Protein backbone atom coordinates (compact mmCIF):
# COMPACT_ATOMS: atom_id res chain seq x y z
CA UNK A 1 -3.80 -80.01 -36.54
CA UNK A 2 -4.45 -83.27 -38.48
CA UNK A 3 -7.24 -85.05 -37.01
CA UNK A 4 -6.22 -88.74 -38.47
CA UNK A 5 -2.51 -88.43 -37.37
CA UNK A 6 -2.33 -91.25 -35.02
CA UNK A 7 1.15 -89.79 -32.96
CA UNK A 8 2.20 -86.56 -32.03
CA UNK A 9 5.81 -85.54 -34.54
CA UNK A 10 8.43 -85.30 -32.39
CA UNK A 11 10.48 -82.69 -34.87
CA UNK A 12 7.13 -80.84 -36.41
CA UNK A 13 5.95 -77.62 -35.01
CA UNK A 14 3.45 -77.98 -32.39
CA UNK A 15 0.61 -75.18 -31.35
CA UNK A 16 0.17 -75.28 -27.66
CA UNK A 17 -3.37 -73.86 -26.35
CA UNK A 18 -2.73 -71.11 -23.82
CA UNK A 19 -4.00 -69.45 -21.44
CA UNK A 20 -2.59 -66.09 -19.01
CA UNK A 21 -3.41 -67.09 -15.27
CA UNK A 22 -3.57 -63.52 -14.45
CA UNK A 23 -5.77 -61.58 -17.57
CA UNK A 24 -7.11 -64.81 -18.16
CA UNK A 25 -6.80 -64.30 -22.32
CA UNK A 26 -6.45 -67.24 -24.27
CA UNK A 27 -4.64 -68.34 -27.54
CA UNK A 28 -1.81 -69.96 -29.11
CA UNK A 29 1.71 -70.38 -28.44
CA UNK A 30 4.37 -72.77 -30.92
CA UNK A 31 6.84 -74.93 -30.23
CA UNK A 32 8.80 -75.75 -32.95
CA UNK A 33 9.17 -79.04 -31.79
CA UNK A 34 8.87 -81.47 -28.75
CA UNK A 35 13.05 -81.90 -29.09
CA UNK A 36 13.29 -78.41 -28.77
CA UNK A 37 14.89 -76.39 -26.15
CA UNK A 38 13.99 -73.10 -27.22
CA UNK A 39 10.81 -72.06 -25.30
CA UNK A 40 7.64 -71.47 -27.28
CA UNK A 41 6.65 -68.30 -29.23
CA UNK A 42 3.54 -66.24 -29.01
CA UNK A 43 1.16 -66.33 -31.58
CA UNK A 44 -1.94 -64.80 -30.66
CA UNK A 45 -3.51 -63.96 -27.58
CA UNK A 46 -7.04 -62.44 -26.92
CA UNK A 47 -9.46 -61.21 -23.80
CA UNK A 48 -11.63 -63.96 -25.06
CA UNK A 49 -11.98 -67.79 -24.96
CA UNK A 50 -10.87 -69.32 -27.95
CA UNK A 51 -11.76 -72.75 -28.77
CA UNK A 52 -10.93 -75.30 -30.36
CA UNK A 53 -8.28 -74.70 -33.85
CA UNK A 54 -9.48 -77.29 -36.79
CA UNK A 55 -7.54 -76.99 -39.87
CA UNK A 56 -8.74 -77.12 -43.60
CA UNK A 57 -7.90 -80.36 -44.99
CA UNK A 58 -6.75 -79.28 -48.34
CA UNK A 59 -5.79 -75.62 -47.32
CA UNK A 60 -3.66 -73.42 -45.04
CA UNK A 61 -6.87 -72.23 -43.31
CA UNK A 62 -7.99 -72.43 -40.06
CA UNK A 63 -11.34 -72.69 -38.15
CA UNK A 64 -12.20 -71.26 -34.37
CA UNK A 65 -14.29 -69.78 -31.77
CA UNK A 66 -13.90 -66.71 -30.04
CA UNK A 67 -16.25 -65.73 -26.76
CA UNK A 68 -16.62 -63.75 -23.80
CA UNK A 69 -19.20 -63.23 -21.50
CA UNK A 70 -21.27 -60.81 -23.90
CA UNK A 71 -19.64 -62.13 -27.26
CA UNK A 72 -21.86 -65.56 -28.52
CA UNK A 73 -18.86 -68.06 -29.64
CA UNK A 74 -18.70 -67.01 -33.70
CA UNK A 75 -16.46 -68.83 -36.19
CA UNK A 76 -13.33 -67.02 -37.08
CA UNK A 77 -11.06 -68.22 -39.95
CA UNK A 78 -7.80 -67.22 -40.23
CA UNK A 79 -4.20 -68.64 -41.77
CA UNK A 80 -2.01 -70.61 -40.07
CA UNK A 81 -0.31 -68.35 -39.03
CA UNK A 82 -2.86 -66.24 -37.75
CA UNK A 83 -1.68 -63.20 -39.15
CA UNK A 84 -5.26 -61.39 -39.80
CA UNK A 85 -8.14 -63.07 -38.36
CA UNK A 86 -11.72 -62.75 -39.39
CA UNK A 87 -14.98 -63.35 -37.84
CA UNK A 88 -17.16 -65.42 -40.52
CA UNK A 89 -20.52 -66.09 -38.33
CA UNK A 90 -23.34 -63.92 -36.73
CA UNK A 91 -25.20 -67.02 -35.16
CA UNK A 92 -26.77 -64.78 -32.41
CA UNK A 93 -27.92 -61.71 -33.62
CA UNK A 94 -31.31 -61.42 -30.99
CA UNK A 95 -28.80 -61.04 -28.48
CA UNK A 96 -28.23 -57.05 -29.73
CA UNK A 97 -31.89 -56.92 -28.85
CA UNK A 98 -31.57 -57.60 -25.06
CA UNK A 99 -29.89 -56.13 -22.25
CA UNK A 100 -26.72 -58.03 -21.44
CA UNK A 101 -23.84 -57.52 -19.32
CA UNK A 102 -20.16 -57.47 -19.12
CA UNK A 103 -17.68 -59.49 -16.56
CA UNK A 104 -14.40 -58.65 -15.03
CA UNK A 105 -12.07 -59.40 -12.60
CA UNK A 106 -11.62 -58.05 -9.03
CA UNK A 107 -8.86 -58.46 -6.62
CA UNK A 108 -9.82 -59.11 -2.77
CA UNK A 109 -7.84 -60.43 0.17
CA UNK A 110 -9.29 -63.06 2.35
CA UNK A 111 -9.08 -63.13 6.44
CA UNK A 112 -5.71 -64.96 6.37
CA UNK A 113 -4.28 -62.39 4.30
CA UNK A 114 -4.27 -64.45 1.02
CA UNK A 115 -4.86 -62.80 -2.48
CA UNK A 116 -7.63 -63.70 -4.35
CA UNK A 117 -9.92 -63.04 -7.15
CA UNK A 118 -13.24 -62.73 -8.54
CA UNK A 119 -15.30 -62.08 -10.98
CA UNK A 120 -18.03 -59.18 -11.01
CA UNK A 121 -20.67 -59.33 -13.76
CA UNK A 122 -22.37 -56.12 -14.27
CA UNK A 123 -25.73 -55.43 -16.12
CA UNK A 124 -24.90 -53.33 -19.65
CA UNK A 125 -26.53 -50.39 -18.22
CA UNK A 126 -24.55 -50.03 -15.23
CA UNK A 127 -24.99 -46.87 -13.60
CA UNK A 128 -22.32 -46.58 -10.42
CA UNK A 129 -24.43 -43.84 -8.34
CA UNK A 130 -26.85 -46.49 -8.16
CA UNK A 131 -27.35 -49.33 -5.28
CA UNK A 132 -28.02 -52.49 -7.07
CA UNK A 133 -28.95 -56.33 -5.28
CA UNK A 134 -26.21 -58.65 -5.93
CA UNK A 135 -26.13 -62.42 -6.57
CA UNK A 136 -23.53 -64.18 -5.44
CA UNK A 137 -22.69 -67.93 -7.01
CA UNK A 138 -19.55 -69.98 -5.53
CA UNK A 139 -18.34 -73.34 -5.52
CA UNK A 140 -14.48 -73.27 -5.75
CA UNK A 141 -12.40 -71.44 -8.43
CA UNK A 142 -14.63 -69.48 -11.06
CA UNK A 143 -12.38 -66.83 -12.26
CA UNK A 144 -11.18 -69.25 -15.06
CA UNK A 145 -14.99 -68.59 -16.64
CA UNK A 146 -14.27 -65.01 -16.87
CA UNK A 147 -14.91 -65.06 -20.65
CA UNK A 148 -17.27 -68.22 -20.82
CA UNK A 149 -20.76 -67.39 -22.83
CA UNK A 150 -23.91 -68.49 -20.99
CA UNK A 151 -26.80 -68.37 -22.91
CA UNK A 152 -30.13 -67.40 -21.25
CA UNK A 153 -31.37 -71.02 -20.38
CA UNK A 154 -32.60 -73.07 -17.90
CA UNK A 155 -31.07 -75.17 -15.42
CA UNK A 156 -30.17 -76.14 -11.63
CA UNK A 157 -28.11 -73.15 -10.96
CA UNK A 158 -29.05 -69.71 -11.45
CA UNK A 159 -28.72 -67.97 -15.14
CA UNK A 160 -25.66 -65.63 -14.43
CA UNK A 161 -27.20 -63.89 -17.71
CA UNK A 162 -30.70 -63.66 -16.92
CA UNK A 163 -29.62 -62.18 -13.28
CA UNK A 164 -27.67 -58.98 -14.90
CA UNK A 165 -30.23 -58.44 -17.35
CA UNK A 166 -32.77 -57.90 -14.67
CA UNK A 167 -30.29 -55.94 -12.48
CA UNK A 168 -28.78 -57.76 -10.61
CA UNK A 169 -24.97 -57.48 -9.95
CA UNK A 170 -23.25 -61.15 -10.26
CA UNK A 171 -19.87 -61.91 -8.00
CA UNK A 172 -18.42 -64.98 -8.47
CA UNK A 173 -15.39 -65.25 -6.02
CA UNK A 174 -12.54 -67.95 -5.73
CA UNK A 175 -12.10 -69.93 -2.63
CA UNK A 176 -8.89 -71.13 -0.82
CA UNK A 177 -9.24 -73.66 1.65
CA UNK A 178 -7.05 -74.80 4.87
CA UNK A 179 -7.85 -79.18 5.35
CA UNK A 180 -10.46 -79.23 8.40
CA UNK A 181 -11.82 -76.62 7.84
CA UNK A 182 -13.92 -76.40 4.67
CA UNK A 183 -16.71 -74.25 5.62
CA UNK A 184 -14.88 -72.21 7.51
CA UNK A 185 -11.99 -71.79 4.67
CA UNK A 186 -15.40 -70.35 2.71
CA UNK A 187 -16.63 -68.25 4.98
CA UNK A 188 -13.28 -66.58 5.00
CA UNK A 189 -13.32 -65.73 1.43
CA UNK A 190 -16.83 -65.08 0.56
CA UNK A 191 -17.84 -62.34 2.81
CA UNK A 192 -14.30 -60.15 1.99
CA UNK A 193 -15.04 -60.43 -1.65
CA UNK A 194 -18.38 -59.36 -0.64
CA UNK A 195 -17.06 -56.23 1.31
CA UNK A 196 -14.76 -55.63 -1.81
CA UNK A 197 -17.48 -55.12 -3.74
CA UNK A 198 -19.39 -53.26 -1.47
CA UNK A 199 -16.46 -50.74 -0.58
CA UNK A 200 -17.09 -49.53 -4.26
CA UNK A 201 -20.43 -48.21 -3.49
CA UNK A 202 -22.74 -49.33 -5.64
CA UNK A 203 -24.24 -52.50 -3.80
CA UNK A 204 -27.47 -52.68 -1.88
CA UNK A 205 -25.98 -54.53 1.40
CA UNK A 206 -29.52 -55.04 2.82
CA UNK A 207 -29.97 -57.09 -0.83
CA UNK A 208 -27.58 -59.98 -0.94
CA UNK A 209 -28.04 -63.15 -2.32
CA UNK A 210 -26.14 -66.83 -2.45
CA UNK A 211 -26.71 -69.50 -4.57
CA UNK A 212 -24.50 -72.77 -4.73
CA UNK A 213 -25.26 -76.46 -5.74
CA UNK A 214 -23.85 -79.63 -4.30
CA UNK A 215 -20.07 -78.73 -3.16
CA UNK A 216 -21.25 -74.82 -3.70
CA UNK A 217 -24.86 -75.73 -1.70
CA UNK A 218 -22.67 -77.17 1.08
CA UNK A 219 -20.87 -74.18 1.62
CA UNK A 220 -23.96 -72.16 1.35
CA UNK A 221 -25.73 -74.05 4.00
CA UNK A 222 -22.42 -73.91 6.12
CA UNK A 223 -22.29 -70.26 5.97
CA UNK A 224 -25.87 -69.28 7.34
CA UNK A 225 -24.89 -71.58 10.35
CA UNK A 226 -22.31 -68.71 11.23
CA UNK A 227 -23.16 -65.12 9.49
CA UNK A 228 -26.34 -63.08 8.42
CA UNK A 229 -25.13 -61.36 5.44
CA UNK A 230 -27.41 -62.89 3.09
CA UNK A 231 -31.03 -61.83 2.79
CA UNK A 232 -31.60 -65.06 1.24
CA UNK A 233 -30.19 -68.62 -0.09
CA UNK A 234 -30.81 -71.41 -2.07
CA UNK A 235 -28.45 -74.17 -1.68
CA UNK A 236 -29.11 -77.48 -3.70
CA UNK A 237 -27.51 -81.42 -3.16
CA UNK A 238 -26.40 -80.44 0.17
CA UNK A 239 -24.49 -82.26 2.74
CA UNK A 240 -25.48 -81.48 6.12
CA UNK A 241 -24.05 -83.98 8.43
CA UNK A 242 -20.84 -85.17 7.33
CA UNK A 243 -20.48 -88.09 9.78
CA UNK A 244 -23.32 -90.12 8.03
CA UNK A 245 -22.61 -88.95 4.22
CA UNK A 246 -18.57 -90.44 5.20
CA UNK A 247 -19.89 -93.67 5.51
CA UNK A 248 -22.12 -93.90 2.22
CA UNK A 249 -21.70 -94.54 -1.21
CA UNK A 250 -22.24 -92.46 -4.23
CA UNK A 251 -24.57 -94.53 -5.83
CA UNK A 252 -23.75 -93.29 -9.57
CA UNK A 253 -19.69 -94.94 -9.44
CA UNK A 254 -20.12 -97.38 -6.92
CA UNK A 255 -17.34 -95.69 -5.07
CA UNK A 256 -17.17 -94.99 -0.97
CA UNK A 257 -17.55 -91.61 0.62
CA UNK A 258 -14.92 -91.79 2.26
CA UNK A 259 -11.54 -90.49 0.56
CA UNK A 260 -13.73 -87.49 -0.62
CA UNK A 261 -14.19 -86.60 3.30
CA UNK A 262 -10.02 -87.49 3.98
CA UNK A 263 -8.54 -86.34 1.21
CA UNK A 264 -10.51 -84.33 -1.68
CA UNK A 265 -13.18 -82.28 -1.72
CA UNK A 266 -14.17 -81.97 1.77
CA UNK A 267 -10.88 -82.00 2.83
CA UNK A 268 -11.60 -82.90 6.23
CA UNK A 269 -8.11 -85.10 6.78
CA UNK A 270 -9.17 -87.92 8.23
CA UNK A 271 -12.14 -90.08 9.57
CA UNK A 272 -14.93 -89.30 11.75
CA UNK A 273 -13.45 -91.40 14.49
CA UNK A 274 -10.39 -89.62 14.29
CA UNK A 275 -11.69 -85.99 13.69
CA UNK A 276 -14.60 -85.97 15.30
CA UNK A 277 -14.43 -82.23 16.11
CA UNK A 278 -13.94 -81.49 12.61
CA UNK A 279 -16.54 -83.72 11.37
CA UNK A 280 -19.07 -81.58 13.91
CA UNK A 281 -17.67 -78.12 13.64
CA UNK A 282 -17.95 -78.71 9.23
CA UNK A 283 -21.38 -79.83 9.19
CA UNK A 284 -24.25 -77.33 9.06
CA UNK A 285 -27.03 -79.56 10.57
CA UNK A 286 -25.58 -79.52 13.96
CA UNK A 287 -25.85 -75.26 14.07
CA UNK A 288 -28.89 -75.59 12.58
CA UNK A 289 -30.61 -73.52 15.70
CA UNK A 290 -28.53 -70.43 14.52
CA UNK A 291 -30.16 -69.82 11.24
CA UNK A 292 -31.93 -66.83 10.55
CA UNK A 293 -32.06 -66.64 6.59
CA UNK A 294 -34.28 -67.65 4.39
CA UNK A 295 -33.24 -71.11 2.93
CA UNK A 296 -34.18 -72.91 -0.22
CA UNK A 297 -33.34 -75.82 -1.82
CA UNK A 298 -33.62 -78.60 -4.43
CA UNK A 299 -32.40 -82.10 -3.83
CA UNK A 300 -33.98 -84.86 -5.92
CA UNK A 301 -34.67 -88.79 -4.62
CA UNK A 302 -32.62 -89.69 -7.89
CA UNK A 303 -29.70 -88.10 -6.60
CA UNK A 304 -26.25 -90.33 -7.19
CA UNK A 305 -23.87 -88.34 -5.86
CA UNK A 306 -25.32 -86.33 -2.58
CA UNK A 307 -27.77 -88.50 -1.09
CA UNK A 308 -31.33 -87.26 -0.99
CA UNK A 309 -31.38 -87.41 3.03
CA UNK A 310 -29.40 -85.40 3.43
CA UNK A 311 -31.13 -82.30 2.10
CA UNK A 312 -34.46 -83.89 3.91
CA UNK A 313 -32.17 -84.18 7.08
CA UNK A 314 -31.25 -80.43 6.89
CA UNK A 315 -34.97 -79.24 5.61
CA UNK A 316 -36.63 -80.70 8.07
CA UNK A 317 -34.33 -79.20 11.34
CA UNK A 318 -34.91 -76.05 9.75
CA UNK A 319 -38.65 -76.44 9.89
CA UNK A 320 -38.37 -78.34 13.48
CA UNK A 321 -36.66 -74.77 14.45
CA UNK A 322 -39.43 -73.12 12.58
CA UNK A 323 -37.52 -71.05 9.82
CA UNK A 324 -38.62 -70.29 6.92
CA UNK A 325 -37.38 -72.95 4.55
CA UNK A 326 -38.35 -74.64 1.01
CA UNK A 327 -37.69 -77.70 -0.17
CA UNK A 328 -38.06 -78.99 -4.25
CA UNK A 329 -37.84 -82.38 -4.98
CA UNK A 330 -38.03 -83.86 -8.79
CA UNK A 331 -38.91 -87.72 -8.70
CA UNK A 332 -36.38 -89.67 -11.16
CA UNK A 333 -34.10 -86.76 -11.15
CA UNK A 334 -30.21 -86.94 -10.16
CA UNK A 335 -27.87 -84.95 -9.00
CA UNK A 336 -28.71 -81.67 -11.65
CA UNK A 337 -31.85 -81.44 -13.61
CA UNK A 338 -31.47 -83.04 -17.15
CA UNK A 339 -35.13 -82.94 -18.38
CA UNK A 340 -35.81 -79.33 -20.17
CA UNK A 341 -39.11 -79.06 -18.37
CA UNK A 342 -37.87 -79.61 -15.06
CA UNK A 343 -35.36 -77.01 -15.87
CA UNK A 344 -37.79 -74.68 -17.02
CA UNK A 345 -40.24 -74.93 -13.49
CA UNK A 346 -37.47 -74.84 -11.76
CA UNK A 347 -35.89 -71.77 -12.52
CA UNK A 348 -39.28 -69.57 -12.90
CA UNK A 349 -39.47 -70.53 -8.78
CA UNK A 350 -36.11 -69.91 -7.69
CA UNK A 351 -36.00 -67.11 -9.72
CA UNK A 352 -39.73 -65.90 -8.02
CA UNK A 353 -38.03 -66.60 -4.65
CA UNK A 354 -34.83 -64.36 -5.27
CA UNK A 355 -36.88 -61.47 -6.90
CA UNK A 356 -39.43 -61.19 -3.99
CA UNK A 357 -36.46 -61.41 -1.05
CA UNK A 358 -33.71 -58.81 -3.64
CA UNK A 359 -35.92 -56.80 -5.59
CA UNK A 360 -39.63 -56.32 -3.72
CA UNK A 361 -41.09 -58.72 -6.55
CA UNK A 362 -44.80 -60.00 -5.10
CA UNK A 363 -44.78 -62.91 -2.77
CA UNK A 364 -45.27 -66.18 -4.76
CA UNK A 365 -48.17 -68.23 -3.96
CA UNK A 366 -45.99 -71.03 -2.87
CA UNK A 367 -43.58 -69.52 -0.41
CA UNK A 368 -47.23 -68.37 1.06
CA UNK A 369 -48.88 -72.02 1.58
CA UNK A 370 -46.49 -74.60 -0.13
CA UNK A 371 -47.84 -77.01 -2.72
CA UNK A 372 -50.23 -80.27 -1.71
CA UNK A 373 -48.91 -83.08 -2.63
CA UNK A 374 -51.42 -83.90 -4.97
CA UNK A 375 -51.34 -80.96 -7.15
CA UNK A 376 -47.11 -81.39 -7.02
CA UNK A 377 -45.45 -80.28 -10.70
CA UNK A 378 -49.56 -79.06 -11.88
CA UNK A 379 -48.50 -75.30 -12.40
CA UNK A 380 -48.02 -74.26 -15.94
CA UNK A 381 -44.92 -72.07 -15.99
CA UNK A 382 -44.52 -71.98 -19.87
CA UNK A 383 -45.52 -67.95 -19.93
CA UNK A 384 -43.76 -67.15 -16.65
CA UNK A 385 -40.94 -68.60 -18.09
CA UNK A 386 -41.09 -66.31 -21.45
CA UNK A 387 -41.96 -63.09 -19.16
CA UNK A 388 -38.68 -64.14 -17.00
CA UNK A 389 -36.60 -65.24 -19.98
CA UNK A 390 -37.43 -63.54 -23.04
């Protein structure tokens, strides 16, 4: 607790930041010392996300934050024994004026019989007798974010709070992978998670969408070549052709992409000349003729992680096959949007897209006719953003 300390004392008590893998509760345990053989003892555990503990320099008082999906990370104080904690800030009182949501864990089993978990977020006024549209958001393992507070701000991916506030359910399933079959691994986990929620009786099966970016976007693109489950999808910064992507360089780091495809996130297990069929099978481009789902993507020309031409390649293939597809490019932006005006512009269009397909909102003009090159970026979205994100 001493920020000026240069070393960790070997013979003094230590606080250990703690997370429960089963419940996602967080808190603190105390270790008697680094030389002690006694197990750590529990001090405090909360069904919330506990932030870093800071101690007053000349008093036995500490300050920390506690957050949940529906609870802003306000400041709390306590003594160093954590016998009694008290909230001392109310930094976001305006939240009480709006419909929010609550997150919970659900269990499910993937196609291989492996037990997995997912986050399900429901609106504040959730009614189990109603049928709701549902958005699915994926990456890899997301259940550790159960208690993360998500401010309703613009960005590159869907804003979870905005969607539940507007009457959606949001599902975030964990995904387990088999080497050589990353796309199929996602399919075998995501679809059973959706079926698990559908069995609860409050999901409209005709109004399910999915969104992902980067690795999540790749998995979305792969899945729509294998299933028509989704009413509409958005997949950002997609790798569509693993063969051409394998030989590239990540411009931001200067690192060859080969290791990613052989050993890390893409998980093929070997190079294209050794595992040719796996590279083809896992590349959405080669199966584009099977796609029947409306597709939206964002892929920026300054992307320094996933080659821009990967997104173009898949988009032009979809259009060649007369599939409903739209692509947004923000000149100069990299892998994710950083300029707030661009974030707002994209968020309005992303939300219009899903609201049209999943909530019967009016079809926006840009989906009907596209945007002429000379008119790109000229739409004034400030008033629309205020309406969608009060």
